[in-house]
Amino acid sequence: MSQTRGKYDFCIGLVLAMSSSIFIGGSFILKKKGLLRLARKGSMRAGQGGHAYLKEWLWWAGLLSMGAGEVANFAAYAFAPATLVTPLGALSVLVSAILSSFFLNEKLNLHGKIGCLLSILGSTVMVIHAPQEEEVETLDEMSHKLGDPGFVVFATLVVIVSLILICVVGPRHGQTNILVYITICSVIGALSVSCVKGLGIAIKELFAGKPVLKHPLSWILLLSLTVCVSTQINYLNRALDIFNTSIVTPIYYVIFTTSVLTCSAILFKEWQDMAADDIIGTFSGFLTIIVGIFLLHAFKDVNFTLANLPLSLRKDDRAANGTLLSTYDSFNDDEESSACLGEMQSTESLSARRNGSLSAF
């Protein structure tokens, strides 16, 4: 019965995680469509300090869509392991890229299409090999997990590293090094996911009629989540303001997901009950998603499509065949040029002799 219940919760968490990516990815398109409509009307744009978007229903639809996505993502952590939910957040990037090519007339080049395909394949591999059963069911179990010495050491290191980056490294190198602010967001994000996981369990117990509000861990998790999310938003906005979004997004995804997977492995010990092939499959799927996200962002401004591929292949064929014939062709060219040069010199010498020029001798 418990195994059947675990698979049922896993399916619910998977559906919530995927629907979260669809809602969040679609929210960017709705907001962008609303802003473009305002720009065509001649309203002051948001980047110039205008607030006309508050009267645009498309913008509000995008905001509601993002809110629904965040709620679904929050609920997904209550049913499925963090090892599964967090990497699937990459699907929101794919949804946004695909929808923008249809509704915003933004071209998705060949590299982007391959990146989308790789990310989907990587997500599928991770779903197949992810842990199938929930590792924590009650707040008491969560409290016991949080008191584990391994997690206490990990959380202490995260806090110390974050404080050093915020107080010492950030003021000196934050404006020039892209990794400073992104690292702050990512390592703190591992703790915020743990808080979300605990609050999701608390909400499940609350609906079951248990006295969750009297449990001190619920309020500790809520306060910790508020502090962590506020810090993440602050430093992620700084990174986006200073550096290119196409660079920040993939780097943040990789470091954040790696931090969450590490925290999940230490806190919930999901890897202990996984077979070797499932562990390898999970890492392979994660690396495949990373490659897909990289291709999608790094080459998005490169104008390369399938129509350009035959031309490139013909150039490559010419270059490959040219290596065999280059010596012979260059030898013939040298002979022909030498013969022409000799004829020109002989003609010039005859002309000089006829004109009585001494330079001919």
Foldseek 3Di string as FASTA:
>chain_A
DQLVVLLVLAVLLVVLLLLLLLLLLVLVVLLVVLQVVCVVVVFDHVVNPDDCSVVGVSNVSSVVSNVSSVVSLLLSLQRHPPLLRQLSNLSSVVNNVVVCVVRVVQDQAPLLVVLSVLLVVLSVLLSVLPDRGDLDQALVVLVVLCPDPLLVVLVVVLVVVLCCLVPPVCVPCVLPDLCSLLLNLQLLLLLLSSLSSSLSSLVVVVVVVDPSVPDVVVVVSVVSNVVSVVSNVVSLVVSVVRDPPLVSVLVSSLSNSVNNVVSSCSRRVRVVPGDPVSVVSSVVSSVSNSSSSCSNRVCSVPRHHPVCVVVVVVVVVCVVVCVVCVVVVVVVVVVVVVVVVVVVLVVVLVVCVVVVHPVSD
